[in-house]
Amino acid sequence: MILIDRFLSDEQDPKAVEKVLGKLNDMLTTNEELIYLAVQKRPAVNLLPDCIVVSNKRIFYCEPANFGITMNFKDISWKSIKEISFKEEIFGSKFICVPQHGENIITEYIPKVQARKLYQAAYEQLEAYKEQLRQAELEDKRAQQPAPAAPVIETIIPESIPAEEPVAETYVPPVPVEEPEDETTLKLRKLKTLYDKQLITQAEYEAKKADILDTF
């Protein structure tokens, strides 16, 4: 249920407010909230005033018909509105709504205080909608941009280290292992040494040699 008192803060006509809110109560959509209501005040006769209501989703234009028995409601959403403005005159103000398409919607004889607050409420809601639209467009652009390429990781291949040339092996001939001389050979060698030093004669050498060989 919509509380009426909050919409009577700027000398709005209580009867008009009560009648309009009673109708709008069944017209609001999910999460829709009424923000401000302005009531027309004609300089001469003000029996059937028009009303303008701003919600967070649209602007309502409420016009009495059939001598106040019925009421015509027209609404325009924020996405269909290009801009809004108001103009103060001698008798109240004009509230002007410029739609994206079609003619301007002009409501006259809005009390000046109400016109200022009506304009403020409508302007804030229109700008909030435009900001949401800008954010949605930015998100779409980000979504359409290609994903950033994966960083290229450069693999550094170390230079091949040349293999060491094989070292030529130096051939070392095997050292012959001298076998120990037997006793006969040693005797003959000693005997020959004595003969070479002329310590014995050739006859003695030959005789000793024959003796050694005979014992072999």
N, C-alpha and C. Protein backbone atom coordinates (compact mmCIF):
# COMPACT_ATOMS: atom_id res chain seq x y z
N MET A 1 0.85 -1.19 0.00
CA MET A 1 0.00 0.00 0.00
C MET A 1 0.89 1.25 0.00
N ILE A 2 0.60 2.21 -0.88
CA ILE A 2 1.39 3.43 -0.99
C ILE A 2 0.92 4.42 0.06
N LEU A 3 1.87 4.99 0.83
CA LEU A 3 1.54 6.00 1.83
C LEU A 3 1.36 7.35 1.15
N ILE A 4 0.22 8.01 1.43
CA ILE A 4 -0.12 9.25 0.75
C ILE A 4 0.63 10.45 1.32
N ASP A 5 0.89 10.43 2.61
CA ASP A 5 1.44 11.62 3.28
C ASP A 5 2.75 12.08 2.65
N ARG A 6 3.59 11.17 2.25
CA ARG A 6 4.89 11.57 1.70
C ARG A 6 4.78 12.31 0.37
N PHE A 7 3.61 12.27 -0.27
CA PHE A 7 3.41 12.98 -1.53
C PHE A 7 2.60 14.27 -1.36
N LEU A 8 2.46 14.73 -0.11
CA LEU A 8 1.72 15.97 0.16
C LEU A 8 2.63 17.03 0.76
N SER A 9 3.94 16.89 0.56
CA SER A 9 4.91 17.77 1.22
C SER A 9 4.99 19.16 0.59
N ASP A 10 4.50 19.33 -0.64
CA ASP A 10 4.63 20.61 -1.34
C ASP A 10 3.27 21.16 -1.77
N GLU A 11 2.31 21.02 -0.88
CA GLU A 11 0.96 21.56 -1.07
C GLU A 11 0.24 20.94 -2.27
N GLN A 12 0.48 19.67 -2.54
CA GLN A 12 -0.28 18.98 -3.57
C GLN A 12 -1.74 18.84 -3.12
N ASP A 13 -2.63 18.81 -4.07
CA ASP A 13 -4.06 18.62 -3.78
C ASP A 13 -4.27 17.22 -3.23
N PRO A 14 -4.71 17.09 -1.95
CA PRO A 14 -4.85 15.76 -1.33
C PRO A 14 -5.81 14.85 -2.08
N LYS A 15 -6.92 15.40 -2.56
CA LYS A 15 -7.91 14.57 -3.26
C LYS A 15 -7.31 13.99 -4.54
N ALA A 16 -6.61 14.85 -5.29
CA ALA A 16 -6.00 14.40 -6.54
C ALA A 16 -4.93 13.33 -6.26
N VAL A 17 -4.13 13.57 -5.22
CA VAL A 17 -3.07 12.62 -4.87
C VAL A 17 -3.67 11.28 -4.48
N GLU A 18 -4.70 11.30 -3.65
CA GLU A 18 -5.31 10.06 -3.20
C GLU A 18 -5.91 9.27 -4.36
N LYS A 19 -6.53 10.00 -5.28
CA LYS A 19 -7.17 9.33 -6.42
C LYS A 19 -6.13 8.71 -7.35
N VAL A 20 -5.07 9.45 -7.63
CA VAL A 20 -4.02 8.95 -8.53
C VAL A 20 -3.30 7.76 -7.91
N LEU A 21 -2.91 7.88 -6.65
CA LEU A 21 -2.17 6.79 -6.01
C LEU A 21 -3.01 5.53 -5.89
N GLY A 22 -4.32 5.71 -5.69
CA GLY A 22 -5.19 4.54 -5.63
C GLY A 22 -5.20 3.76 -6.93
N LYS A 23 -5.10 4.49 -8.05
CA LYS A 23 -5.07 3.83 -9.36
C LYS A 23 -3.67 3.23 -9.65
N LEU A 24 -2.64 4.00 -9.30
CA LEU A 24 -1.26 3.55 -9.63
C LEU A 24 -0.83 2.35 -8.80
N ASN A 25 -1.43 2.17 -7.65
CA ASN A 25 -1.03 1.09 -6.76
C ASN A 25 -1.09 -0.27 -7.46
N ASP A 26 -2.05 -0.43 -8.37
CA ASP A 26 -2.20 -1.71 -9.08
C ASP A 26 -1.43 -1.75 -10.40
N MET A 27 -0.77 -0.65 -10.75
CA MET A 27 -0.08 -0.57 -12.04
C MET A 27 1.44 -0.73 -11.91
N LEU A 28 1.93 -0.66 -10.70
CA LEU A 28 3.38 -0.73 -10.52
C LEU A 28 3.90 -2.15 -10.77
N THR A 29 5.06 -2.22 -11.38
CA THR A 29 5.69 -3.52 -11.66
C THR A 29 6.62 -3.90 -10.51
N THR A 30 7.20 -5.06 -10.61
CA THR A 30 8.11 -5.55 -9.56
C THR A 30 9.28 -4.58 -9.38
N ASN A 31 9.56 -4.26 -8.13
CA ASN A 31 10.66 -3.37 -7.75
C ASN A 31 10.49 -1.94 -8.27
N GLU A 32 9.28 -1.57 -8.65
CA GLU A 32 9.03 -0.19 -9.09
C GLU A 32 8.59 0.64 -7.88
N GLU A 33 9.16 1.84 -7.77
CA GLU A 33 8.89 2.70 -6.62
C GLU A 33 8.55 4.09 -7.11
N LEU A 34 7.50 4.68 -6.56
CA LEU A 34 7.13 6.06 -6.87
C LEU A 34 8.04 7.01 -6.09
N ILE A 35 8.55 8.02 -6.78
CA ILE A 35 9.53 8.92 -6.17
C ILE A 35 8.95 10.30 -5.88
N TYR A 36 8.23 10.86 -6.85
CA TYR A 36 7.64 12.19 -6.63
C TYR A 36 6.37 12.31 -7.45
N LEU A 37 5.42 13.14 -6.90
CA LEU A 37 4.14 13.37 -7.57
C LEU A 37 3.85 14.86 -7.56
N ALA A 38 3.60 15.41 -8.75
CA ALA A 38 3.27 16.83 -8.88
C ALA A 38 1.84 16.96 -9.42
N VAL A 39 1.10 17.94 -8.87
CA VAL A 39 -0.30 18.14 -9.24
C VAL A 39 -0.46 19.51 -9.91
N GLN A 40 -1.07 19.53 -11.04
CA GLN A 40 -1.32 20.77 -11.79
C GLN A 40 -2.23 21.71 -10.97
N LYS A 41 -1.97 23.00 -11.08
CA LYS A 41 -2.80 24.00 -10.38
C LYS A 41 -3.09 25.15 -11.34
N ARG A 42 -4.28 25.12 -11.94
CA ARG A 42 -4.66 26.16 -12.89
C ARG A 42 -5.01 27.45 -12.13
N PRO A 43 -4.80 28.58 -12.77
CA PRO A 43 -5.03 29.86 -12.07
C PRO A 43 -6.50 30.14 -11.78
N ALA A 44 -7.42 29.61 -12.57
CA ALA A 44 -8.84 29.92 -12.35
C ALA A 44 -9.56 28.74 -11.73
N VAL A 45 -9.81 27.71 -12.53
CA VAL A 45 -10.53 26.54 -12.04
C VAL A 45 -9.56 25.36 -11.94
N ASN A 46 -9.53 24.69 -10.81
CA ASN A 46 -8.59 23.59 -10.62
C ASN A 46 -9.31 22.35 -10.11
N LEU A 47 -10.54 22.14 -10.61
CA LEU A 47 -11.33 21.02 -10.14
C LEU A 47 -10.79 19.67 -10.61
N LEU A 48 -10.28 19.62 -11.85
CA LEU A 48 -9.80 18.35 -12.43
C LEU A 48 -8.33 18.51 -12.85
N PRO A 49 -7.41 18.54 -11.91
CA PRO A 49 -6.00 18.76 -12.26
C PRO A 49 -5.36 17.51 -12.86
N ASP A 50 -4.42 17.76 -13.74
CA ASP A 50 -3.56 16.67 -14.22
C ASP A 50 -2.46 16.42 -13.19
N CYS A 51 -1.92 15.21 -13.20
CA CYS A 51 -0.82 14.87 -12.29
C CYS A 51 0.31 14.22 -13.08
N ILE A 52 1.51 14.44 -12.61
CA ILE A 52 2.70 13.78 -13.17
C ILE A 52 3.39 13.04 -12.03
N VAL A 53 3.69 11.76 -12.27
CA VAL A 53 4.33 10.94 -11.24
C VAL A 53 5.62 10.35 -11.81
N VAL A 54 6.69 10.47 -11.03
CA VAL A 54 7.98 9.92 -11.43
C VAL A 54 8.25 8.66 -10.61
N SER A 55 8.55 7.56 -11.29
CA SER A 55 9.00 6.35 -10.61
C SER A 55 10.42 6.04 -11.06
N ASN A 56 11.00 5.01 -10.49
CA ASN A 56 12.36 4.64 -10.89
C ASN A 56 12.41 3.94 -12.25
N LYS A 57 11.24 3.72 -12.87
CA LYS A 57 11.22 3.05 -14.17
C LYS A 57 10.58 3.89 -15.29
N ARG A 58 9.76 4.90 -14.93
CA ARG A 58 9.04 5.66 -15.96
C ARG A 58 8.40 6.91 -15.39
N ILE A 59 7.77 7.70 -16.29
CA ILE A 59 6.97 8.85 -15.91
C ILE A 59 5.51 8.54 -16.24
N PHE A 60 4.63 8.78 -15.29
CA PHE A 60 3.19 8.60 -15.51
C PHE A 60 2.55 9.98 -15.76
N TYR A 61 1.67 10.06 -16.77
CA TYR A 61 0.84 11.24 -17.00
C TYR A 61 -0.60 10.83 -16.70
N CYS A 62 -1.21 11.50 -15.72
CA CYS A 62 -2.55 11.13 -15.25
C CYS A 62 -3.52 12.27 -15.56
N GLU A 63 -4.49 12.03 -16.42
CA GLU A 63 -5.45 13.05 -16.86
C GLU A 63 -6.87 12.61 -16.51
N PRO A 64 -7.59 13.38 -15.67
CA PRO A 64 -8.98 13.04 -15.36
C PRO A 64 -9.85 13.11 -16.61
N ALA A 65 -10.85 12.24 -16.67
CA ALA A 65 -11.79 12.22 -17.79
C ALA A 65 -13.19 11.97 -17.27
N ASN A 66 -14.19 12.30 -18.12
CA ASN A 66 -15.60 12.10 -17.74
C ASN A 66 -15.92 12.79 -16.42
N PHE A 67 -15.49 14.09 -16.36
CA PHE A 67 -15.77 14.90 -15.18
C PHE A 67 -15.20 14.29 -13.89
N GLY A 68 -14.05 13.66 -14.05
CA GLY A 68 -13.37 13.12 -12.89
C GLY A 68 -13.80 11.73 -12.49
N ILE A 69 -14.77 11.17 -13.22
CA ILE A 69 -15.21 9.82 -12.88
C ILE A 69 -14.13 8.78 -13.22
N THR A 70 -13.47 8.98 -14.35
CA THR A 70 -12.40 8.08 -14.78
C THR A 70 -11.11 8.87 -14.94
N MET A 71 -10.06 8.16 -15.23
CA MET A 71 -8.76 8.82 -15.41
C MET A 71 -7.95 8.09 -16.48
N ASN A 72 -7.34 8.87 -17.34
CA ASN A 72 -6.49 8.31 -18.38
C ASN A 72 -5.03 8.32 -17.91
N PHE A 73 -4.38 7.17 -18.10
CA PHE A 73 -2.98 7.06 -17.70
C PHE A 73 -2.13 6.81 -18.95
N LYS A 74 -1.11 7.61 -19.08
CA LYS A 74 -0.10 7.38 -20.12
C LYS A 74 1.25 7.32 -19.42
N ASP A 75 2.12 6.45 -19.88
CA ASP A 75 3.44 6.37 -19.26
C ASP A 75 4.50 6.30 -20.35
N ILE A 76 5.67 6.74 -20.00
CA ILE A 76 6.81 6.69 -20.93
C ILE A 76 8.04 6.25 -20.13
N SER A 77 8.68 5.21 -20.59
CA SER A 77 9.83 4.64 -19.87
C SER A 77 11.07 5.50 -20.09
N TRP A 78 12.03 5.34 -19.20
CA TRP A 78 13.25 6.16 -19.30
C TRP A 78 14.02 5.89 -20.58
N LYS A 79 13.96 4.68 -21.08
CA LYS A 79 14.69 4.38 -22.32
C LYS A 79 14.10 5.10 -23.52
N SER A 80 12.83 5.56 -23.40
CA SER A 80 12.17 6.25 -24.50
C SER A 80 12.28 7.77 -24.38
N ILE A 81 12.97 8.24 -23.35
CA ILE A 81 13.07 9.68 -23.10
C ILE A 81 14.46 10.17 -23.48
N LYS A 82 14.50 11.22 -24.24
CA LYS A 82 15.77 11.82 -24.65
C LYS A 82 16.27 12.81 -23.60
N GLU A 83 15.38 13.70 -23.14
CA GLU A 83 15.74 14.67 -22.11
C GLU A 83 14.48 15.24 -21.47
N ILE A 84 14.66 15.88 -20.34
CA ILE A 84 13.55 16.54 -19.66
C ILE A 84 13.99 17.95 -19.26
N SER A 85 13.01 18.85 -19.10
CA SER A 85 13.31 20.22 -18.69
C SER A 85 12.05 20.84 -18.11
N PHE A 86 12.21 22.03 -17.53
CA PHE A 86 11.03 22.77 -17.07
C PHE A 86 11.29 24.27 -17.27
N LYS A 87 10.21 25.01 -17.36
CA LYS A 87 10.30 26.44 -17.62
C LYS A 87 9.32 27.16 -16.71
N GLU A 88 9.85 28.07 -15.89
CA GLU A 88 8.99 28.83 -14.98
C GLU A 88 8.30 29.97 -15.73
N GLU A 89 7.02 30.14 -15.45
CA GLU A 89 6.24 31.21 -16.05
C GLU A 89 5.52 31.99 -14.95
N ILE A 90 4.65 32.91 -15.35
CA ILE A 90 3.93 33.71 -14.35
C ILE A 90 3.05 32.83 -13.48
N PHE A 91 2.30 31.97 -14.11
CA PHE A 91 1.42 31.05 -13.37
C PHE A 91 2.03 29.64 -13.40
N GLY A 92 2.87 29.37 -12.47
CA GLY A 92 3.46 28.05 -12.38
C GLY A 92 4.58 27.81 -13.39
N SER A 93 4.79 26.55 -13.73
CA SER A 93 5.87 26.16 -14.64
C SER A 93 5.38 25.13 -15.65
N LYS A 94 6.12 25.05 -16.73
CA LYS A 94 5.88 24.01 -17.72
C LYS A 94 6.89 22.88 -17.50
N PHE A 95 6.42 21.68 -17.48
CA PHE A 95 7.31 20.52 -17.41
C PHE A 95 7.34 19.89 -18.79
N ILE A 96 8.54 19.75 -19.35
CA ILE A 96 8.69 19.33 -20.74
C ILE A 96 9.46 18.02 -20.79
N CYS A 97 8.88 17.06 -21.45
CA CYS A 97 9.53 15.75 -21.66
C CYS A 97 9.76 15.58 -23.16
N VAL A 98 11.03 15.38 -23.53
CA VAL A 98 11.39 15.20 -24.94
C VAL A 98 11.64 13.71 -25.17
N PRO A 99 10.75 13.04 -25.90
CA PRO A 99 10.92 11.60 -26.14
C PRO A 99 11.94 11.36 -27.25
N GLN A 100 12.41 10.11 -27.35
CA GLN A 100 13.34 9.75 -28.43
C GLN A 100 12.68 9.92 -29.80
N HIS A 101 11.40 9.67 -29.85
CA HIS A 101 10.66 9.80 -31.10
C HIS A 101 9.31 10.45 -30.80
N GLY A 102 8.83 11.27 -31.71
CA GLY A 102 7.53 11.91 -31.52
C GLY A 102 7.64 13.31 -30.95
N GLU A 103 6.47 13.90 -30.66
CA GLU A 103 6.40 15.27 -30.18
C GLU A 103 6.68 15.37 -28.68
N ASN A 104 7.10 16.58 -28.30
CA ASN A 104 7.35 16.83 -26.88
C ASN A 104 6.04 16.75 -26.09
N ILE A 105 6.16 16.29 -24.84
CA ILE A 105 5.01 16.22 -23.94
C ILE A 105 5.15 17.37 -22.95
N ILE A 106 4.19 18.31 -23.00
CA ILE A 106 4.26 19.52 -22.17
C ILE A 106 3.07 19.56 -21.23
N THR A 107 3.37 19.74 -19.95
CA THR A 107 2.32 19.89 -18.94
C THR A 107 2.47 21.26 -18.29
N GLU A 108 1.43 22.06 -18.36
CA GLU A 108 1.47 23.43 -17.84
C GLU A 108 0.91 23.51 -16.43
N TYR A 109 1.13 24.70 -15.82
CA TYR A 109 0.56 25.06 -14.53
C TYR A 109 0.97 24.12 -13.39
N ILE A 110 2.19 23.68 -13.45
CA ILE A 110 2.75 22.93 -12.32
C ILE A 110 3.32 23.96 -11.32
N PRO A 111 2.90 23.96 -10.07
CA PRO A 111 3.48 24.91 -9.11
C PRO A 111 5.00 24.88 -9.15
N LYS A 112 5.60 26.05 -8.98
CA LYS A 112 7.05 26.17 -9.21
C LYS A 112 7.87 25.26 -8.29
N VAL A 113 7.50 25.20 -7.04
CA VAL A 113 8.26 24.34 -6.12
C VAL A 113 8.14 22.88 -6.55
N GLN A 114 6.92 22.48 -6.90
CA GLN A 114 6.72 21.10 -7.35
C GLN A 114 7.46 20.85 -8.68
N ALA A 115 7.46 21.84 -9.56
CA ALA A 115 8.14 21.68 -10.85
C ALA A 115 9.64 21.46 -10.66
N ARG A 116 10.23 22.18 -9.72
CA ARG A 116 11.68 22.01 -9.48
C ARG A 116 11.98 20.61 -8.95
N LYS A 117 11.19 20.16 -7.98
CA LYS A 117 11.43 18.84 -7.41
C LYS A 117 11.07 17.73 -8.39
N LEU A 118 10.04 17.98 -9.21
CA LEU A 118 9.69 17.01 -10.24
C LEU A 118 10.83 16.87 -11.25
N TYR A 119 11.39 18.01 -11.65
CA TYR A 119 12.51 17.99 -12.59
C TYR A 119 13.72 17.29 -11.96
N GLN A 120 14.03 17.59 -10.69
CA GLN A 120 15.17 16.97 -10.02
C GLN A 120 15.02 15.45 -9.97
N ALA A 121 13.84 14.98 -9.59
CA ALA A 121 13.61 13.54 -9.48
C ALA A 121 13.71 12.87 -10.85
N ALA A 122 13.09 13.50 -11.87
CA ALA A 122 13.11 12.93 -13.21
C ALA A 122 14.53 12.95 -13.79
N TYR A 123 15.25 14.02 -13.57
CA TYR A 123 16.62 14.13 -14.10
C TYR A 123 17.52 13.06 -13.49
N GLU A 124 17.42 12.86 -12.18
CA GLU A 124 18.27 11.85 -11.52
C GLU A 124 17.96 10.46 -12.04
N GLN A 125 16.69 10.15 -12.25
CA GLN A 125 16.33 8.81 -12.74
C GLN A 125 16.77 8.62 -14.18
N LEU A 126 16.65 9.68 -14.99
CA LEU A 126 17.07 9.58 -16.39
C LEU A 126 18.58 9.38 -16.48
N GLU A 127 19.33 10.12 -15.67
CA GLU A 127 20.79 9.98 -15.68
C GLU A 127 21.22 8.60 -15.16
N ALA A 128 20.49 8.10 -14.16
CA ALA A 128 20.81 6.76 -13.65
C ALA A 128 20.59 5.71 -14.73
N TYR A 129 19.52 5.89 -15.51
CA TYR A 129 19.26 4.94 -16.60
C TYR A 129 20.37 5.04 -17.67
N LYS A 130 20.75 6.27 -18.02
CA LYS A 130 21.80 6.45 -19.03
C LYS A 130 23.12 5.84 -18.57
N GLU A 131 23.39 5.96 -17.27
CA GLU A 131 24.63 5.38 -16.74
C GLU A 131 24.59 3.85 -16.82
N GLN A 132 23.44 3.28 -16.50
CA GLN A 132 23.29 1.82 -16.63
C GLN A 132 23.50 1.40 -18.08
N LEU A 133 22.97 2.20 -18.99
CA LEU A 133 23.12 1.89 -20.42
C LEU A 133 24.57 1.96 -20.84
N ARG A 134 25.29 2.98 -20.35
CA ARG A 134 26.72 3.11 -20.69
C ARG A 134 27.51 1.92 -20.15
N GLN A 135 27.20 1.53 -18.92
CA GLN A 135 27.91 0.40 -18.33
C GLN A 135 27.63 -0.89 -19.11
N ALA A 136 26.38 -1.06 -19.54
CA ALA A 136 26.03 -2.25 -20.31
C ALA A 136 26.76 -2.26 -21.65
N GLU A 137 26.89 -1.09 -22.28
CA GLU A 137 27.62 -1.01 -23.55
C GLU A 137 29.09 -1.32 -23.36
N LEU A 138 29.66 -0.84 -22.26
CA LEU A 138 31.07 -1.14 -21.98
C LEU A 138 31.28 -2.64 -21.77
N GLU A 139 30.35 -3.26 -21.06
CA GLU A 139 30.45 -4.70 -20.83
C GLU A 139 30.36 -5.46 -22.15
N ASP A 140 29.47 -4.99 -23.06
CA ASP A 140 29.34 -5.65 -24.36
C ASP A 140 30.63 -5.52 -25.16
N LYS A 141 31.24 -4.33 -25.11
CA LYS A 141 32.49 -4.12 -25.85
C LYS A 141 33.60 -5.00 -25.30
N ARG A 142 33.64 -5.11 -23.96
CA ARG A 142 34.67 -5.97 -23.36
C ARG A 142 34.45 -7.42 -23.76
N ALA A 143 33.17 -7.82 -23.80
CA ALA A 143 32.87 -9.21 -24.16
C ALA A 143 33.22 -9.50 -25.61
N GLN A 144 33.14 -8.47 -26.49
CA GLN A 144 33.43 -8.69 -27.91
C GLN A 144 34.91 -8.63 -28.23
N GLN A 145 35.69 -8.06 -27.32
CA GLN A 145 37.13 -7.98 -27.56
C GLN A 145 37.76 -9.36 -27.48
N PRO A 146 38.69 -9.63 -28.39
CA PRO A 146 39.35 -10.94 -28.33
C PRO A 146 40.15 -11.09 -27.05
N ALA A 147 40.20 -12.29 -26.61
CA ALA A 147 40.96 -12.57 -25.40
C ALA A 147 42.44 -12.28 -25.64
N PRO A 148 43.12 -11.73 -24.66
CA PRO A 148 44.54 -11.42 -24.83
C PRO A 148 45.35 -12.68 -25.13
N ALA A 149 46.28 -12.52 -26.06
CA ALA A 149 47.11 -13.67 -26.44
C ALA A 149 47.97 -14.11 -25.26
N ALA A 150 48.17 -15.38 -25.21
CA ALA A 150 49.01 -15.91 -24.13
C ALA A 150 50.43 -15.42 -24.31
N PRO A 151 51.10 -15.06 -23.24
CA PRO A 151 52.47 -14.56 -23.35
C PRO A 151 53.39 -15.60 -23.98
N VAL A 152 54.25 -15.11 -24.88
CA VAL A 152 55.19 -16.00 -25.55
C VAL A 152 56.38 -16.22 -24.63
N ILE A 153 56.61 -17.44 -24.30
CA ILE A 153 57.73 -17.78 -23.44
C ILE A 153 58.89 -18.23 -24.32
N GLU A 154 59.93 -17.44 -24.30
CA GLU A 154 61.09 -17.73 -25.15
C GLU A 154 61.96 -18.79 -24.50
N THR A 155 62.15 -19.84 -25.24
CA THR A 155 62.98 -20.93 -24.73
C THR A 155 64.42 -20.71 -25.20
N ILE A 156 65.30 -20.56 -24.28
CA ILE A 156 66.71 -20.34 -24.61
C ILE A 156 67.42 -21.68 -24.65
N ILE A 157 67.89 -22.03 -25.85
CA ILE A 157 68.60 -23.29 -26.01
C ILE A 157 70.09 -23.02 -25.84
N PRO A 158 70.71 -23.59 -24.86
CA PRO A 158 72.15 -23.33 -24.65
C PRO A 158 72.97 -23.83 -25.83
N GLU A 159 74.01 -23.04 -26.14
CA GLU A 159 74.89 -23.44 -27.24
C GLU A 159 75.57 -24.78 -26.90
N SER A 160 75.65 -25.60 -27.92
CA SER A 160 76.25 -26.91 -27.70
C SER A 160 77.74 -26.77 -27.41
N ILE A 161 78.16 -27.48 -26.44
CA ILE A 161 79.57 -27.45 -26.05
C ILE A 161 80.31 -28.50 -26.88
N PRO A 162 81.31 -28.06 -27.64
CA PRO A 162 82.01 -29.03 -28.48
C PRO A 162 82.64 -30.14 -27.65
N ALA A 163 82.49 -31.32 -28.14
CA ALA A 163 83.06 -32.46 -27.42
C ALA A 163 84.58 -32.40 -27.47
N GLU A 164 85.16 -32.78 -26.38
CA GLU A 164 86.63 -32.77 -26.32
C GLU A 164 87.20 -33.84 -27.24
N GLU A 165 88.22 -33.39 -27.95
CA GLU A 165 88.86 -34.34 -28.87
C GLU A 165 89.56 -35.41 -28.05
N PRO A 166 89.42 -36.62 -28.49
CA PRO A 166 90.09 -37.71 -27.75
C PRO A 166 91.61 -37.54 -27.78
N VAL A 167 92.19 -37.74 -26.65
CA VAL A 167 93.64 -37.62 -26.55
C VAL A 167 94.28 -38.92 -27.05
N ALA A 168 95.21 -38.74 -28.00
CA ALA A 168 95.88 -39.92 -28.56
C ALA A 168 96.73 -40.58 -27.48
N GLU A 169 96.51 -41.83 -27.35
CA GLU A 169 97.27 -42.55 -26.34
C GLU A 169 98.68 -42.85 -26.86
N THR A 170 99.65 -42.57 -26.00
CA THR A 170 101.05 -42.84 -26.37
C THR A 170 101.35 -44.31 -26.07
N TYR A 171 101.84 -44.98 -27.10
CA TYR A 171 102.12 -46.42 -26.96
C TYR A 171 103.40 -46.60 -26.17
N VAL A 172 103.28 -47.29 -25.10
CA VAL A 172 104.45 -47.58 -24.27
C VAL A 172 104.73 -49.07 -24.41
N PRO A 173 105.82 -49.41 -25.00
CA PRO A 173 106.12 -50.83 -25.18
C PRO A 173 106.32 -51.49 -23.83
N PRO A 174 105.89 -52.69 -23.75
CA PRO A 174 106.03 -53.40 -22.47
C PRO A 174 107.50 -53.64 -22.13
N VAL A 175 107.76 -53.46 -20.86
CA VAL A 175 109.13 -53.66 -20.39
C VAL A 175 109.35 -55.17 -20.23
N PRO A 176 110.33 -55.67 -20.94
CA PRO A 176 110.56 -57.11 -20.83
C PRO A 176 111.02 -57.49 -19.42
N VAL A 177 110.44 -58.49 -18.97
CA VAL A 177 110.79 -58.96 -17.63
C VAL A 177 111.94 -59.96 -17.76
N GLU A 178 113.03 -59.55 -17.14
CA GLU A 178 114.20 -60.42 -17.23
C GLU A 178 114.02 -61.62 -16.30
N GLU A 179 114.12 -62.73 -16.91
CA GLU A 179 114.05 -63.95 -16.11
C GLU A 179 115.37 -64.18 -15.38
N PRO A 180 115.33 -64.59 -14.19
CA PRO A 180 116.59 -64.79 -13.45
C PRO A 180 117.49 -65.89 -14.12
N GLU A 181 118.81 -65.57 -14.20
CA GLU A 181 119.72 -66.51 -14.87
C GLU A 181 119.97 -67.73 -13.96
N ASP A 182 120.12 -68.86 -14.64
CA ASP A 182 120.39 -70.06 -13.83
C ASP A 182 121.87 -70.07 -13.40
N GLU A 183 122.23 -71.03 -12.59
CA GLU A 183 123.59 -71.07 -12.01
C GLU A 183 124.67 -71.31 -13.07
N THR A 184 124.33 -72.13 -14.06
CA THR A 184 125.34 -72.44 -15.11
C THR A 184 125.67 -71.21 -15.90
N THR A 185 124.61 -70.44 -16.23
CA THR A 185 124.81 -69.22 -17.01
C THR A 185 125.64 -68.23 -16.23
N LEU A 186 125.36 -68.08 -14.94
CA LEU A 186 126.12 -67.14 -14.13
C LEU A 186 127.60 -67.53 -14.08
N LYS A 187 127.82 -68.82 -13.97
CA LYS A 187 129.23 -69.29 -13.93
C LYS A 187 129.94 -68.97 -15.24
N LEU A 188 129.26 -69.25 -16.33
CA LEU A 188 129.87 -68.98 -17.64
C LEU A 188 130.14 -67.48 -17.81
N ARG A 189 129.14 -66.60 -17.31
CA ARG A 189 129.30 -65.15 -17.45
C ARG A 189 130.52 -64.69 -16.64
N LYS A 190 130.64 -65.20 -15.42
CA LYS A 190 131.76 -64.81 -14.58
C LYS A 190 133.10 -65.25 -15.19
N LEU A 191 133.03 -66.49 -15.74
CA LEU A 191 134.26 -67.02 -16.37
C LEU A 191 134.65 -66.18 -17.56
N LYS A 192 133.70 -65.74 -18.32
CA LYS A 192 133.98 -64.90 -19.50
C LYS A 192 134.52 -63.56 -19.06
N THR A 193 133.97 -63.06 -17.93
CA THR A 193 134.46 -61.76 -17.42
C THR A 193 135.92 -61.88 -17.01
N LEU A 194 136.27 -62.99 -16.38
CA LEU A 194 137.66 -63.18 -15.99
C LEU A 194 138.57 -63.26 -17.21
N TYR A 195 138.10 -63.95 -18.24
CA TYR A 195 138.91 -64.08 -19.45
C TYR A 195 139.06 -62.72 -20.12
N ASP A 196 137.95 -61.93 -20.17
CA ASP A 196 138.02 -60.62 -20.83
C ASP A 196 138.97 -59.69 -20.11
N LYS A 197 139.10 -59.86 -18.79
CA LYS A 197 140.01 -59.01 -18.03
C LYS A 197 141.43 -59.57 -17.99
N GLN A 198 141.57 -60.68 -18.76
CA GLN A 198 142.89 -61.31 -18.90
C GLN A 198 143.45 -61.77 -17.56
N LEU A 199 142.49 -62.21 -16.74
CA LEU A 199 142.92 -62.75 -15.46
C LEU A 199 143.24 -64.24 -15.56
N ILE A 200 142.69 -64.87 -16.65
CA ILE A 200 143.03 -66.27 -16.91
C ILE A 200 143.41 -66.37 -18.37
N THR A 201 144.13 -67.46 -18.66
CA THR A 201 144.55 -67.64 -20.04
C THR A 201 143.42 -68.29 -20.81
N GLN A 202 143.62 -68.34 -22.11
CA GLN A 202 142.58 -68.94 -22.96
C GLN A 202 142.46 -70.42 -22.67
N ALA A 203 143.60 -71.07 -22.39
CA ALA A 203 143.56 -72.50 -22.09
C ALA A 203 142.78 -72.77 -20.83
N GLU A 204 143.03 -71.89 -19.80
CA GLU A 204 142.29 -72.05 -18.55
C GLU A 204 140.78 -71.79 -18.77
N TYR A 205 140.53 -70.78 -19.59
CA TYR A 205 139.13 -70.43 -19.87
C TYR A 205 138.41 -71.59 -20.53
N GLU A 206 139.08 -72.22 -21.53
CA GLU A 206 138.46 -73.32 -22.25
C GLU A 206 138.28 -74.52 -21.33
N ALA A 207 139.25 -74.77 -20.45
CA ALA A 207 139.17 -75.91 -19.55
C ALA A 207 138.03 -75.73 -18.55
N LYS A 208 137.95 -74.51 -17.95
CA LYS A 208 136.89 -74.22 -16.97
C LYS A 208 135.50 -74.28 -17.62
N LYS A 209 135.47 -73.80 -18.82
CA LYS A 209 134.20 -73.78 -19.55
C LYS A 209 133.71 -75.20 -19.80
N ALA A 210 134.68 -76.09 -20.16
CA ALA A 210 134.32 -77.47 -20.43
C ALA A 210 133.83 -78.15 -19.16
N ASP A 211 134.49 -77.80 -18.04
CA ASP A 211 134.07 -78.39 -16.77
C ASP A 211 132.63 -77.96 -16.40
N ILE A 212 132.34 -76.65 -16.61
CA ILE A 212 130.99 -76.13 -16.27
C ILE A 212 129.92 -76.79 -17.13
N LEU A 213 130.21 -76.90 -18.39
CA LEU A 213 129.23 -77.49 -19.30
C LEU A 213 129.04 -78.99 -19.02
N ASP A 214 130.13 -79.63 -18.56
CA ASP A 214 129.97 -81.05 -18.28
C ASP A 214 129.04 -81.27 -17.09
N THR A 215 129.02 -80.30 -16.15
CA THR A 215 128.17 -80.47 -14.98
C THR A 215 126.73 -80.01 -15.21
N PHE A 216 126.42 -79.45 -16.35
CA PHE A 216 125.09 -78.94 -16.67
C PHE A 216 124.12 -80.09 -16.92
